Amino acid sequence: MKFRGADTRVCRLETRLEALCCAGHRDESRCGSLRGRATFSQRGQATVEYALVSAGLLIPMTFGIIYVAQLLWIWHSVADFTREGARYATTHCWQSDSGNVLNFMKTHVPPMTDQQQFQSGPAEINVSYFSRDPASGALIPFSCDADCGTSCIPDTVTVQVRNYEFRGFVGYLGLRPVPIPDFQISMPVESAGCDPDSGVCLP
């Protein structure tokens, strides 16, 4: 991007310089000074153009790359966090309030931006257990009379993370948080951490 006015001034200066020299002007020091001024003017113009391009294109692109990279990192971290919670639920005993799974997840949040959202809100962690209906084969909500017992083993568990908003980088720019879609993982319950022989279950 070049400025037409600046080019015109430089051309006029060069033309005047050539006219002086071609007319037999004897002051060589003055001719060299004029040439130096013309070169300096061109360099100054290039510096201004680079500054304008950097401010209008390179800096926004750099911030955009940082924003997308951080958002993808958070996305992967939350997905892995949800999967880890479901894996824990499949190997530990069933509790009616899912307190053991919720406590594990809130104390094992990955070291990432907005970590406090999972520990104290507003992000929600939901744990749901299901059993398979022998007649229809459909999954129905699981219920049992006792907590953490060998007789209370569901068939599947679903862990869901919802209402998470990405605030880390956009907060510095004064922009609104970005809502992230819900993450949900379902897994078959392996043993619920229970040993039928000893009658002991992992809490």
C-alpha atoms as a PDB file:
ATOM      1  CA  MET A   1       0.000   0.000   0.000  1.00  0.00           C
ATOM      2  CA  LYS A   2       1.635   3.282  -1.107  1.00  0.00           C
ATOM      3  CA  PHE A   3       0.543   6.865  -0.711  1.00  0.00           C
ATOM      4  CA  ARG A   4       0.266   8.675  -4.041  1.00  0.00           C
ATOM      5  CA  GLY A   5       1.026  12.064  -2.507  1.00  0.00           C
ATOM      6  CA  ALA A   6       4.299  10.856  -1.026  1.00  0.00           C
ATOM      7  CA  ASP A   7       5.356   9.283  -4.346  1.00  0.00           C
ATOM      8  CA  THR A   8       4.638  12.554  -6.159  1.00  0.00           C
ATOM      9  CA  ARG A   9       6.784  14.559  -3.767  1.00  0.00           C
ATOM     10  CA  VAL A  10       9.664  12.082  -4.086  1.00  0.00           C
ATOM     11  CA  CYS A  11       9.463  12.143  -7.878  1.00  0.00           C
ATOM     12  CA  ARG A  12       9.470  15.940  -7.947  1.00  0.00           C
ATOM     13  CA  LEU A  13      12.515  15.980  -5.662  1.00  0.00           C
ATOM     14  CA  GLU A  14      14.386  13.495  -7.862  1.00  0.00           C
ATOM     15  CA  THR A  15      13.465  15.447 -10.985  1.00  0.00           C
ATOM     16  CA  ARG A  16      14.742  18.666  -9.470  1.00  0.00           C
ATOM     17  CA  LEU A  17      17.932  16.898  -8.390  1.00  0.00           C
ATOM     18  CA  GLU A  18      18.552  15.571 -11.875  1.00  0.00           C
ATOM     19  CA  ALA A  19      17.914  19.013 -13.347  1.00  0.00           C
ATOM     20  CA  LEU A  20      20.486  20.608 -11.084  1.00  0.00           C
ATOM     21  CA  CYS A  21      23.114  17.997 -11.812  1.00  0.00           C
ATOM     22  CA  CYS A  22      22.474  17.859 -15.571  1.00  0.00           C
ATOM     23  CA  ALA A  23      22.665  21.651 -15.775  1.00  0.00           C
ATOM     24  CA  GLY A  24      26.255  21.415 -14.645  1.00  0.00           C
ATOM     25  CA  HIS A  25      25.768  22.341 -11.031  1.00  0.00           C
ATOM     26  CA  ARG A  26      29.176  22.248  -9.398  1.00  0.00           C
ATOM     27  CA  ASP A  27      28.095  21.776  -5.787  1.00  0.00           C
ATOM     28  CA  GLU A  28      28.493  17.985  -5.508  1.00  0.00           C
ATOM     29  CA  SER A  29      27.884  18.047  -1.749  1.00  0.00           C
ATOM     30  CA  ARG A  30      24.476  19.582  -2.325  1.00  0.00           C
ATOM     31  CA  CYS A  31      23.614  16.942  -4.924  1.00  0.00           C
ATOM     32  CA  GLY A  32      24.595  14.166  -2.471  1.00  0.00           C
ATOM     33  CA  SER A  33      22.518  15.774   0.264  1.00  0.00           C
ATOM     34  CA  LEU A  34      19.484  15.890  -1.993  1.00  0.00           C
ATOM     35  CA  ARG A  35      19.935  12.264  -2.943  1.00  0.00           C
ATOM     36  CA  GLY A  36      20.165  11.319   0.741  1.00  0.00           C
ATOM     37  CA  ARG A  37      16.967  13.175   1.538  1.00  0.00           C
ATOM     38  CA  ALA A  38      15.122  11.367  -1.235  1.00  0.00           C
ATOM     39  CA  THR A  39      16.314   7.967   0.032  1.00  0.00           C
ATOM     40  CA  PHE A  40      15.400   8.872   3.618  1.00  0.00           C
ATOM     41  CA  SER A  41      11.929   9.913   2.483  1.00  0.00           C
ATOM     42  CA  GLN A  42      11.369   6.539   0.797  1.00  0.00           C
ATOM     43  CA  ARG A  43      12.554   4.653   3.883  1.00  0.00           C
ATOM     44  CA  GLY A  44      10.278   6.701   6.120  1.00  0.00           C
ATOM     45  CA  GLN A  45       7.335   5.940   3.868  1.00  0.00           C
ATOM     46  CA  ALA A  46       8.078   2.190   4.039  1.00  0.00           C
ATOM     47  CA  THR A  47       8.260   2.368   7.842  1.00  0.00           C
ATOM     48  CA  VAL A  48       4.878   4.090   8.039  1.00  0.00           C
ATOM     49  CA  GLU A  49       3.331   1.520   5.690  1.00  0.00           C
ATOM     50  CA  TYR A  50       4.716  -1.372   7.764  1.00  0.00           C
ATOM     51  CA  ALA A  51       3.352   0.155  10.965  1.00  0.00           C
ATOM     52  CA  LEU A  52      -0.103   0.549   9.423  1.00  0.00           C
ATOM     53  CA  VAL A  53      -0.135  -3.025   8.100  1.00  0.00           C
ATOM     54  CA  SER A  54       1.026  -4.367  11.481  1.00  0.00           C
ATOM     55  CA  ALA A  55      -1.621  -2.456  13.397  1.00  0.00           C
ATOM     56  CA  GLY A  56      -4.439  -3.323  11.013  1.00  0.00           C
ATOM     57  CA  LEU A  57      -3.584  -6.912  10.043  1.00  0.00           C
ATOM     58  CA  LEU A  58      -0.740  -8.656  11.871  1.00  0.00           C
ATOM     59  CA  ILE A  59      -1.741  -7.786  15.444  1.00  0.00           C
ATOM     60  CA  PRO A  60      -5.427  -8.842  15.028  1.00  0.00           C
ATOM     61  CA  MET A  61      -4.295 -12.068  13.329  1.00  0.00           C
ATOM     62  CA  THR A  62      -1.932 -12.843  16.216  1.00  0.00           C
ATOM     63  CA  PHE A  63      -4.666 -12.346  18.821  1.00  0.00           C
ATOM     64  CA  GLY A  64      -7.052 -14.421  16.695  1.00  0.00           C
ATOM     65  CA  ILE A  65      -4.603 -17.335  16.562  1.00  0.00           C
ATOM     66  CA  ILE A  66      -4.087 -17.183  20.347  1.00  0.00           C
ATOM     67  CA  TYR A  67      -7.860 -17.106  20.894  1.00  0.00           C
ATOM     68  CA  VAL A  68      -8.563 -20.140  18.670  1.00  0.00           C
ATOM     69  CA  ALA A  69      -5.657 -22.115  20.146  1.00  0.00           C
ATOM     70  CA  GLN A  70      -6.818 -21.505  23.713  1.00  0.00           C
ATOM     71  CA  LEU A  71     -10.424 -22.351  22.839  1.00  0.00           C
ATOM     72  CA  LEU A  72      -9.400 -25.686  21.262  1.00  0.00           C
ATOM     73  CA  TRP A  73      -7.211 -26.478  24.263  1.00  0.00           C
ATOM     74  CA  ILE A  74     -10.127 -25.805  26.645  1.00  0.00           C
ATOM     75  CA  TRP A  75     -12.474 -27.894  24.459  1.00  0.00           C
ATOM     76  CA  HIS A  76     -10.123 -30.878  24.584  1.00  0.00           C
ATOM     77  CA  SER A  77      -9.541 -30.474  28.331  1.00  0.00           C
ATOM     78  CA  VAL A  78     -13.254 -30.413  29.187  1.00  0.00           C
ATOM     79  CA  ALA A  79     -13.951 -33.439  26.962  1.00  0.00           C
ATOM     80  CA  ASP A  80     -11.145 -35.381  28.644  1.00  0.00           C
ATOM     81  CA  PHE A  81     -12.335 -34.203  32.066  1.00  0.00           C
ATOM     82  CA  THR A  82     -15.851 -35.539  31.361  1.00  0.00           C
ATOM     83  CA  ARG A  83     -14.465 -38.869  30.154  1.00  0.00           C
ATOM     84  CA  GLU A  84     -12.295 -39.202  33.262  1.00  0.00           C
ATOM     85  CA  GLY A  85     -15.312 -38.620  35.505  1.00  0.00           C
ATOM     86  CA  ALA A  86     -17.321 -41.310  33.704  1.00  0.00           C
ATOM     87  CA  ARG A  87     -14.418 -43.737  33.978  1.00  0.00           C
ATOM     88  CA  TYR A  88     -14.222 -43.099  37.721  1.00  0.00           C
ATOM     89  CA  ALA A  89     -17.972 -43.729  38.096  1.00  0.00           C
ATOM     90  CA  THR A  90     -17.721 -47.130  36.396  1.00  0.00           C
ATOM     91  CA  THR A  91     -15.129 -48.374  38.892  1.00  0.00           C
ATOM     92  CA  HIS A  92     -16.595 -46.975  42.132  1.00  0.00           C
ATOM     93  CA  CYS A  93     -19.760 -47.837  43.973  1.00  0.00           C
ATOM     94  CA  TRP A  94     -23.149 -46.307  43.287  1.00  0.00           C
ATOM     95  CA  GLN A  95     -24.368 -43.567  45.607  1.00  0.00           C
ATOM     96  CA  SER A  96     -27.835 -42.076  45.393  1.00  0.00           C
ATOM     97  CA  ASP A  97     -26.502 -38.500  45.280  1.00  0.00           C
ATOM     98  CA  SER A  98     -23.426 -39.387  43.158  1.00  0.00           C
ATOM     99  CA  GLY A  99     -21.393 -37.615  45.816  1.00  0.00           C
ATOM    100  CA  ASN A 100     -18.258 -39.692  45.309  1.00  0.00           C
ATOM    101  CA  VAL A 101     -18.110 -38.951  41.570  1.00  0.00           C
ATOM    102  CA  LEU A 102     -18.917 -35.263  41.959  1.00  0.00           C
ATOM    103  CA  ASN A 103     -16.283 -34.841  44.671  1.00  0.00           C
ATOM    104  CA  PHE A 104     -13.678 -36.607  42.538  1.00  0.00           C
ATOM    105  CA  MET A 105     -14.383 -34.433  39.506  1.00  0.00           C
ATOM    106  CA  LYS A 106     -14.386 -31.150  41.408  1.00  0.00           C
ATOM    107  CA  THR A 107     -11.082 -31.985  43.048  1.00  0.00           C
ATOM    108  CA  HIS A 108      -9.483 -33.188  39.792  1.00  0.00           C
ATOM    109  CA  VAL A 109     -10.309 -30.362  37.416  1.00  0.00           C
ATOM    110  CA  PRO A 110      -7.495 -30.039  34.835  1.00  0.00           C
ATOM    111  CA  PRO A 111      -5.198 -27.006  35.301  1.00  0.00           C
ATOM    112  CA  MET A 112      -6.849 -24.784  32.720  1.00  0.00           C
ATOM    113  CA  THR A 113      -8.490 -21.401  32.303  1.00  0.00           C
ATOM    114  CA  ASP A 114     -11.837 -20.966  34.111  1.00  0.00           C
ATOM    115  CA  GLN A 115     -11.027 -23.841  36.461  1.00  0.00           C
ATOM    116  CA  GLN A 116     -13.163 -22.292  39.205  1.00  0.00           C
ATOM    117  CA  GLN A 117     -16.309 -22.648  37.075  1.00  0.00           C
ATOM    118  CA  PHE A 118     -16.226 -26.419  37.624  1.00  0.00           C
ATOM    119  CA  GLN A 119     -15.400 -26.198  41.308  1.00  0.00           C
ATOM    120  CA  SER A 120     -17.918 -23.589  42.437  1.00  0.00           C
ATOM    121  CA  GLY A 121     -20.153 -22.913  39.407  1.00  0.00           C
ATOM    122  CA  PRO A 122     -21.744 -21.927  37.136  1.00  0.00           C
ATOM    123  CA  ALA A 123     -20.660 -25.024  35.194  1.00  0.00           C
ATOM    124  CA  GLU A 124     -22.745 -28.053  36.207  1.00  0.00           C
ATOM    125  CA  ILE A 125     -21.719 -31.701  36.536  1.00  0.00           C
ATOM    126  CA  ASN A 126     -24.541 -34.226  36.287  1.00  0.00           C
ATOM    127  CA  VAL A 127     -24.156 -37.965  36.940  1.00  0.00           C
ATOM    128  CA  SER A 128     -26.957 -40.367  35.961  1.00  0.00           C
ATOM    129  CA  TYR A 129     -27.078 -44.132  36.394  1.00  0.00           C
ATOM    130  CA  PHE A 130     -29.222 -46.507  34.360  1.00  0.00           C
ATOM    131  CA  SER A 131     -30.243 -50.148  34.425  1.00  0.00           C
ATOM    132  CA  ARG A 132     -31.480 -52.233  31.523  1.00  0.00           C
ATOM    133  CA  ASP A 133     -35.095 -53.341  31.604  1.00  0.00           C
ATOM    134  CA  PRO A 134     -35.108 -57.161  31.177  1.00  0.00           C
ATOM    135  CA  ALA A 135     -38.417 -57.094  29.317  1.00  0.00           C
ATOM    136  CA  SER A 136     -37.793 -54.355  26.767  1.00  0.00           C
ATOM    137  CA  GLY A 137     -34.014 -53.993  26.903  1.00  0.00           C
ATOM    138  CA  ALA A 138     -34.387 -50.222  27.261  1.00  0.00           C
ATOM    139  CA  LEU A 139     -32.337 -48.203  29.719  1.00  0.00           C
ATOM    140  CA  ILE A 140     -34.277 -46.845  32.688  1.00  0.00           C
ATOM    141  CA  PRO A 141     -33.086 -44.692  35.632  1.00  0.00           C
ATOM    142  CA  PHE A 142     -31.387 -46.840  38.238  1.00  0.00           C
ATOM    143  CA  SER A 143     -32.490 -46.903  41.858  1.00  0.00           C
ATOM    144  CA  CYS A 144     -31.546 -48.996  44.874  1.00  0.00           C
ATOM    145  CA  ASP A 145     -32.364 -49.135  48.577  1.00  0.00           C
ATOM    146  CA  ALA A 146     -28.770 -49.091  49.821  1.00  0.00           C
ATOM    147  CA  ASP A 147     -25.709 -47.065  48.890  1.00  0.00           C
ATOM    148  CA  CYS A 148     -22.361 -48.588  48.002  1.00  0.00           C
ATOM    149  CA  GLY A 149     -23.371 -52.236  48.161  1.00  0.00           C
ATOM    150  CA  THR A 150     -22.824 -55.300  46.005  1.00  0.00           C
ATOM    151  CA  SER A 151     -26.570 -55.486  45.370  1.00  0.00           C
ATOM    152  CA  CYS A 152     -26.655 -51.964  43.893  1.00  0.00           C
ATOM    153  CA  ILE A 153     -24.738 -52.148  40.648  1.00  0.00           C
ATOM    154  CA  PRO A 154     -26.210 -50.240  37.667  1.00  0.00           C
ATOM    155  CA  ASP A 155     -25.596 -51.136  34.038  1.00  0.00           C
ATOM    156  CA  THR A 156     -24.463 -47.798  32.608  1.00  0.00           C
ATOM    157  CA  VAL A 157     -23.511 -44.332  33.788  1.00  0.00           C
ATOM    158  CA  THR A 158     -23.713 -40.979  32.003  1.00  0.00           C
ATOM    159  CA  VAL A 159     -21.643 -37.960  33.022  1.00  0.00           C
ATOM    160  CA  GLN A 160     -22.582 -34.568  31.614  1.00  0.00           C
ATOM    161  CA  VAL A 161     -20.857 -31.185  31.907  1.00  0.00           C
ATOM    162  CA  ARG A 162     -23.060 -28.238  30.967  1.00  0.00           C
ATOM    163  CA  ASN A 163     -23.396 -24.455  31.251  1.00  0.00           C
ATOM    164  CA  TYR A 164     -19.673 -23.861  30.811  1.00  0.00           C
ATOM    165  CA  GLU A 165     -18.677 -20.499  29.274  1.00  0.00           C
ATOM    166  CA  PHE A 166     -15.234 -19.750  27.905  1.00  0.00           C
ATOM    167  CA  ARG A 167     -14.119 -16.500  29.524  1.00  0.00           C
ATOM    168  CA  GLY A 168     -10.347 -16.702  29.739  1.00  0.00           C
ATOM    169  CA  PHE A 169      -9.031 -14.765  26.754  1.00  0.00           C
ATOM    170  CA  VAL A 170     -12.124 -12.810  25.736  1.00  0.00           C
ATOM    171  CA  GLY A 171     -12.365 -11.291  29.206  1.00  0.00           C
ATOM    172  CA  TYR A 172      -9.204  -9.279  28.613  1.00  0.00           C
ATOM    173  CA  LEU A 173     -10.731  -7.815  25.456  1.00  0.00           C
ATOM    174  CA  GLY A 174     -14.002  -6.879  27.144  1.00  0.00           C
ATOM    175  CA  LEU A 175     -15.997  -9.349  25.016  1.00  0.00           C
ATOM    176  CA  ARG A 176     -18.903 -11.543  26.094  1.00  0.00           C
ATOM    177  CA  PRO A 177     -18.188 -15.135  27.229  1.00  0.00           C
ATOM    178  CA  VAL A 178     -18.472 -17.871  24.618  1.00  0.00           C
ATOM    179  CA  PRO A 179     -21.026 -20.611  25.538  1.00  0.00           C
ATOM    180  CA  ILE A 180     -19.576 -24.088  25.034  1.00  0.00           C
ATOM    181  CA  PRO A 181     -21.871 -26.996  24.032  1.00  0.00           C
ATOM    182  CA  ASP A 182     -22.612 -29.653  26.640  1.00  0.00           C
ATOM    183  CA  PHE A 183     -20.197 -32.569  27.001  1.00  0.00           C
ATOM    184  CA  GLN A 184     -21.692 -35.994  27.682  1.00  0.00           C
ATOM    185  CA  ILE A 185     -20.067 -39.411  28.044  1.00  0.00           C
ATOM    186  CA  SER A 186     -21.859 -42.735  28.647  1.00  0.00           C
ATOM    187  CA  MET A 187     -20.024 -45.907  29.698  1.00  0.00           C
ATOM    188  CA  PRO A 188     -21.018 -49.398  30.836  1.00  0.00           C
ATOM    189  CA  VAL A 189     -20.453 -49.997  34.531  1.00  0.00           C
ATOM    190  CA  GLU A 190     -17.726 -52.603  34.931  1.00  0.00           C
ATOM    191  CA  SER A 191     -18.089 -53.628  38.577  1.00  0.00           C
ATOM    192  CA  ALA A 192     -18.906 -50.387  40.384  1.00  0.00           C
ATOM    193  CA  GLY A 193     -15.798 -51.107  42.405  1.00  0.00           C
ATOM    194  CA  CYS A 194     -17.465 -54.023  44.192  1.00  0.00           C
ATOM    195  CA  ASP A 195     -15.971 -57.409  44.973  1.00  0.00           C
ATOM    196  CA  PRO A 196     -18.803 -59.992  45.225  1.00  0.00           C
ATOM    197  CA  ASP A 197     -16.622 -62.400  47.190  1.00  0.00           C
ATOM    198  CA  SER A 198     -15.660 -59.982  49.969  1.00  0.00           C
ATOM    199  CA  GLY A 199     -18.774 -57.835  49.702  1.00  0.00           C
ATOM    200  CA  VAL A 200     -16.666 -54.672  49.736  1.00  0.00           C
ATOM    201  CA  CYS A 201     -17.091 -51.761  47.299  1.00  0.00           C
ATOM    202  CA  LEU A 202     -14.830 -48.832  46.560  1.00  0.00           C
ATOM    203  CA  PRO A 203     -16.536 -45.669  47.782  1.00  0.00           C
END
